[in-house]
């Protein structure tokens, strides 16, 4: 239990330090906008509930994937191809930046 607390404490300190980087803030905003736009699209176009659409978006961007859902409409498939290409790049860059701050930046 203590080790889990230490890990989360270090993670939150790293996130706080990362916020001082202007490009991290921009990446975070772009990732949030990507999640919001994907959630709106899938809830309206593919008739998913908001929670299911958000879950699909997060699992897609984190490269885990959703085991049972695939878009039904042609527009949904085209959007998903662009969403994966753009969104995964943004999300992985955000994670890489946070990892860099956790590993390379000295403690305050």
Protein backbone atom coordinates (compact mmCIF):
# COMPACT_ATOMS: atom_id res chain seq x y z
CA UNK A 1 0.00 0.00 0.00
CA UNK A 2 2.82 2.37 0.82
CA UNK A 3 4.53 1.68 -2.51
CA UNK A 4 1.30 2.49 -4.40
CA UNK A 5 1.06 5.77 -2.50
CA UNK A 6 4.69 6.59 -3.39
CA UNK A 7 4.07 5.82 -7.08
CA UNK A 8 0.96 8.01 -7.27
CA UNK A 9 2.67 10.77 -5.32
CA UNK A 10 5.56 10.81 -7.80
CA UNK A 11 3.12 10.72 -10.75
CA UNK A 12 1.16 13.73 -9.46
CA UNK A 13 4.37 15.66 -8.80
CA UNK A 14 5.46 14.89 -12.37
CA UNK A 15 2.13 16.08 -13.76
CA UNK A 16 2.44 19.29 -11.76
CA UNK A 17 5.98 19.85 -13.13
CA UNK A 18 4.82 19.04 -16.66
CA UNK A 19 2.21 21.80 -16.48
CA UNK A 20 5.08 24.30 -16.45
CA UNK A 21 5.91 23.23 -20.02
CA UNK A 22 3.80 25.18 -22.50
CA UNK A 23 3.75 22.37 -25.07
CA UNK A 24 2.46 19.92 -22.44
CA UNK A 25 -0.49 22.23 -21.80
CA UNK A 26 -1.18 22.40 -25.54
CA UNK A 27 -0.96 18.61 -25.88
CA UNK A 28 -3.32 18.14 -22.95
CA UNK A 29 -5.86 20.54 -24.45
CA UNK A 30 -5.61 18.85 -27.86
CA UNK A 31 -6.08 15.42 -26.28
CA UNK A 32 -9.13 16.63 -24.36
CA UNK A 33 -10.59 18.20 -27.51
CA UNK A 34 -9.96 14.95 -29.39
CA UNK A 35 -11.78 12.98 -26.69
CA UNK A 36 -14.69 15.42 -26.66
CA UNK A 37 -15.04 15.50 -30.45
CA UNK A 38 -14.84 11.71 -30.67
CA UNK A 39 -17.42 11.29 -27.92
CA UNK A 40 -19.82 13.69 -29.64
CA UNK A 41 -19.30 12.01 -33.01
CA UNK A 42 -19.78 8.44 -31.82
CA UNK A 43 -22.77 9.30 -29.65
CA UNK A 44 -24.55 11.02 -32.53
CA UNK A 45 -23.37 9.10 -35.60
CA UNK A 46 -23.05 5.57 -34.18
CA UNK A 47 -25.87 5.91 -31.61
CA UNK A 48 -23.69 5.08 -28.60
CA UNK A 49 -24.41 6.42 -25.14
CA UNK A 50 -22.09 9.21 -24.02
CA UNK A 51 -20.32 6.91 -21.55
CA UNK A 52 -19.86 4.15 -24.17
CA UNK A 53 -18.60 6.68 -26.72
CA UNK A 54 -16.11 8.14 -24.24
CA UNK A 55 -15.00 4.63 -23.25
CA UNK A 56 -14.45 3.74 -26.91
CA UNK A 57 -12.47 6.95 -27.47
CA UNK A 58 -10.21 6.38 -24.47
CA UNK A 59 -9.55 2.73 -25.30
CA UNK A 60 -8.81 3.70 -28.90
CA UNK A 61 -6.38 6.50 -28.02
CA UNK A 62 -4.60 4.39 -25.43
CA UNK A 63 -4.14 1.70 -28.13
CA UNK A 64 -5.98 -0.88 -26.01
CA UNK A 65 -8.90 -1.06 -28.40
CA UNK A 66 -12.52 -2.05 -27.83
CA UNK A 67 -13.11 -5.78 -28.30
CA UNK A 68 -16.74 -5.68 -29.46
CA UNK A 69 -17.44 -2.31 -31.07
CA UNK A 70 -16.60 -1.34 -34.61
CA UNK A 71 -18.21 1.53 -36.52
CA UNK A 72 -21.20 0.56 -38.64
CA UNK A 73 -21.56 3.54 -40.95
CA UNK A 74 -19.14 4.48 -43.71
CA UNK A 75 -18.70 7.94 -42.21
CA UNK A 76 -17.98 6.31 -38.85
CA UNK A 77 -15.28 4.12 -40.39
CA UNK A 78 -13.64 7.06 -42.15
CA UNK A 79 -13.77 9.17 -38.98
CA UNK A 80 -12.30 6.30 -36.96
CA UNK A 81 -9.34 5.95 -39.34
CA UNK A 82 -8.53 9.67 -38.98
CA UNK A 83 -9.27 9.58 -35.24
CA UNK A 84 -6.82 6.73 -34.66
CA UNK A 85 -4.09 8.29 -36.79
CA UNK A 86 -4.29 11.75 -35.25
CA UNK A 87 -5.44 10.86 -31.74
CA UNK A 88 -2.91 8.11 -31.01
CA UNK A 89 -0.08 10.41 -32.05
CA UNK A 90 -1.30 13.14 -29.72
CA UNK A 91 -1.96 10.78 -26.83
CA UNK A 92 1.35 8.96 -27.11
CA UNK A 93 3.22 12.28 -27.35
CA UNK A 94 1.46 13.42 -24.18
CA UNK A 95 2.47 10.21 -22.38
CA UNK A 96 6.05 10.49 -23.70
CA UNK A 97 6.29 14.09 -22.46
CA UNK A 98 5.03 13.08 -19.03
CA UNK A 99 7.50 10.19 -18.97
CA UNK A 100 10.32 12.57 -19.89
CA UNK A 101 9.38 14.89 -17.03
CA UNK A 102 9.23 11.99 -14.58
CA UNK A 103 12.60 10.55 -15.63
CA UNK A 104 14.77 13.49 -16.70
CA UNK A 105 13.57 16.50 -14.75
CA UNK A 106 15.11 16.95 -11.27
CA UNK A 107 12.84 16.97 -8.24
CA UNK A 108 11.83 20.39 -6.96
